[in-house]
Amino acid sequence: MQSVWTSESAVVWGELSEAIMRNEWEKARAEKEGVEERERKMVRERGVKGESWVPKNFRVSYSKDTGEWNCSPIHKWVPAAPIIAP
């Protein structure tokens, strides 16, 4: 059995996704606010420490010419397309 990192999207957004699928909109709203606040806290903590965030599984680049962001997998085992749950 493989473990899942607590930072993976399925974990971070899991409760929100489940609330949406159950049409529990107040719970979904609260879960979304919780995710956003935890992210803000991590950003503040990195700022205090002078750290910058670097993606572990993707290369992220921005083209000034086109105004577009590009996000490419670093590892072959990272799927190129989003995972869609039924």
C-alpha atoms as a PDB file:
ATOM      1  CA  MET A   1       0.000   0.000   0.000  1.00  0.00           C
ATOM      2  CA  GLN A   2       1.317   3.439  -0.931  1.00  0.00           C
ATOM      3  CA  SER A   3       0.841   6.318   1.415  1.00  0.00           C
ATOM      4  CA  VAL A   4      -0.395   9.707   0.271  1.00  0.00           C
ATOM      5  CA  TRP A   5       1.368  12.909   1.265  1.00  0.00           C
ATOM      6  CA  THR A   6      -0.737  15.294   3.319  1.00  0.00           C
ATOM      7  CA  SER A   7       0.098  18.003   0.780  1.00  0.00           C
ATOM      8  CA  GLU A   8      -1.468  16.140  -2.154  1.00  0.00           C
ATOM      9  CA  SER A   9      -4.546  17.760  -3.664  1.00  0.00           C
ATOM     10  CA  ALA A  10      -6.746  14.747  -2.998  1.00  0.00           C
ATOM     11  CA  VAL A  11      -6.000  15.109   0.710  1.00  0.00           C
ATOM     12  CA  VAL A  12      -5.994  18.913   0.910  1.00  0.00           C
ATOM     13  CA  TRP A  13      -9.259  19.307  -0.986  1.00  0.00           C
ATOM     14  CA  GLY A  14     -10.818  15.927  -0.076  1.00  0.00           C
ATOM     15  CA  GLU A  15     -13.309  17.120   2.548  1.00  0.00           C
ATOM     16  CA  LEU A  16     -14.364  20.015   0.312  1.00  0.00           C
ATOM     17  CA  SER A  17     -14.882  17.686  -2.648  1.00  0.00           C
ATOM     18  CA  GLU A  18     -16.938  15.266  -0.578  1.00  0.00           C
ATOM     19  CA  ALA A  19     -19.102  18.091   0.789  1.00  0.00           C
ATOM     20  CA  ILE A  20     -19.758  19.337  -2.758  1.00  0.00           C
ATOM     21  CA  MET A  21     -20.743  15.850  -3.942  1.00  0.00           C
ATOM     22  CA  ARG A  22     -23.190  15.619  -0.995  1.00  0.00           C
ATOM     23  CA  ASN A  23     -24.557  19.131  -1.739  1.00  0.00           C
ATOM     24  CA  GLU A  24     -23.467  20.287   1.733  1.00  0.00           C
ATOM     25  CA  TRP A  25     -22.720  23.852   0.683  1.00  0.00           C
ATOM     26  CA  GLU A  26     -22.092  25.354   4.128  1.00  0.00           C
ATOM     27  CA  LYS A  27     -19.594  22.577   4.944  1.00  0.00           C
ATOM     28  CA  ALA A  28     -17.977  23.025   1.517  1.00  0.00           C
ATOM     29  CA  ARG A  29     -17.633  26.765   2.118  1.00  0.00           C
ATOM     30  CA  ALA A  30     -16.095  26.169   5.561  1.00  0.00           C
ATOM     31  CA  GLU A  31     -13.674  23.557   4.167  1.00  0.00           C
ATOM     32  CA  LYS A  32     -12.616  25.924   1.368  1.00  0.00           C
ATOM     33  CA  GLU A  33     -11.972  28.722   3.849  1.00  0.00           C
ATOM     34  CA  GLY A  34      -9.956  26.314   6.007  1.00  0.00           C
ATOM     35  CA  VAL A  35      -7.783  25.239   3.072  1.00  0.00           C
ATOM     36  CA  GLU A  36      -7.206  28.854   2.066  1.00  0.00           C
ATOM     37  CA  GLU A  37      -6.331  29.937   5.608  1.00  0.00           C
ATOM     38  CA  ARG A  38      -3.850  27.065   6.037  1.00  0.00           C
ATOM     39  CA  GLU A  39      -2.226  28.089   2.754  1.00  0.00           C
ATOM     40  CA  ARG A  40      -1.996  31.727   3.880  1.00  0.00           C
ATOM     41  CA  LYS A  41      -0.398  30.589   7.137  1.00  0.00           C
ATOM     42  CA  MET A  42       2.206  28.503   5.271  1.00  0.00           C
ATOM     43  CA  VAL A  43       2.995  31.474   2.993  1.00  0.00           C
ATOM     44  CA  ARG A  44       3.446  33.753   6.024  1.00  0.00           C
ATOM     45  CA  GLU A  45       5.690  31.201   7.748  1.00  0.00           C
ATOM     46  CA  ARG A  46       7.838  30.819   4.617  1.00  0.00           C
ATOM     47  CA  GLY A  47       8.105  34.603   4.379  1.00  0.00           C
ATOM     48  CA  VAL A  48       9.287  34.894   7.984  1.00  0.00           C
ATOM     49  CA  LYS A  49      11.909  32.199   7.338  1.00  0.00           C
ATOM     50  CA  GLY A  50      12.939  33.743   4.005  1.00  0.00           C
ATOM     51  CA  GLU A  51      12.003  30.554   2.149  1.00  0.00           C
ATOM     52  CA  SER A  52      10.461  30.353  -1.293  1.00  0.00           C
ATOM     53  CA  TRP A  53       8.081  27.640  -2.468  1.00  0.00           C
ATOM     54  CA  VAL A  54       9.313  25.304  -5.189  1.00  0.00           C
ATOM     55  CA  PRO A  55       7.007  22.649  -6.685  1.00  0.00           C
ATOM     56  CA  LYS A  56       8.213  19.073  -6.115  1.00  0.00           C
ATOM     57  CA  ASN A  57       6.576  17.455  -9.126  1.00  0.00           C
ATOM     58  CA  PHE A  58       6.283  20.220 -11.729  1.00  0.00           C
ATOM     59  CA  ARG A  59       8.312  22.891 -13.485  1.00  0.00           C
ATOM     60  CA  VAL A  60       6.409  26.146 -13.533  1.00  0.00           C
ATOM     61  CA  SER A  61       7.325  28.905 -15.961  1.00  0.00           C
ATOM     62  CA  TYR A  62       5.777  32.134 -17.191  1.00  0.00           C
ATOM     63  CA  SER A  63       6.165  33.581 -20.674  1.00  0.00           C
ATOM     64  CA  LYS A  64       6.156  37.375 -20.803  1.00  0.00           C
ATOM     65  CA  ASP A  65       5.678  37.137 -24.578  1.00  0.00           C
ATOM     66  CA  THR A  66       2.427  35.182 -24.433  1.00  0.00           C
ATOM     67  CA  GLY A  67       1.323  36.010 -20.881  1.00  0.00           C
ATOM     68  CA  GLU A  68       0.781  32.316 -20.217  1.00  0.00           C
ATOM     69  CA  TRP A  69       1.900  29.988 -17.443  1.00  0.00           C
ATOM     70  CA  ASN A  70       3.291  26.551 -18.255  1.00  0.00           C
ATOM     71  CA  CYS A  71       3.235  23.682 -15.766  1.00  0.00           C
ATOM     72  CA  SER A  72       5.103  20.542 -16.856  1.00  0.00           C
ATOM     73  CA  PRO A  73       5.626  17.298 -14.907  1.00  0.00           C
ATOM     74  CA  ILE A  74       9.215  16.669 -13.763  1.00  0.00           C
ATOM     75  CA  HIS A  75       8.748  12.922 -13.313  1.00  0.00           C
ATOM     76  CA  LYS A  76       7.309  10.470 -15.814  1.00  0.00           C
ATOM     77  CA  TRP A  77       4.997   8.998 -13.156  1.00  0.00           C
ATOM     78  CA  VAL A  78       3.082  12.272 -12.769  1.00  0.00           C
ATOM     79  CA  PRO A  79       0.048  12.134 -15.084  1.00  0.00           C
ATOM     80  CA  ALA A  80      -0.108  14.830 -17.721  1.00  0.00           C
ATOM     81  CA  ALA A  81      -3.874  15.219 -17.392  1.00  0.00           C
ATOM     82  CA  PRO A  82      -5.923  15.938 -14.272  1.00  0.00           C
ATOM     83  CA  ILE A  83      -7.305  12.986 -12.360  1.00  0.00           C
ATOM     84  CA  ILE A  84     -11.101  12.945 -12.547  1.00  0.00           C
ATOM     85  CA  ALA A  85     -13.065  11.168  -9.859  1.00  0.00           C
ATOM     86  CA  PRO A  86     -16.467   9.648 -10.672  1.00  0.00           C
END
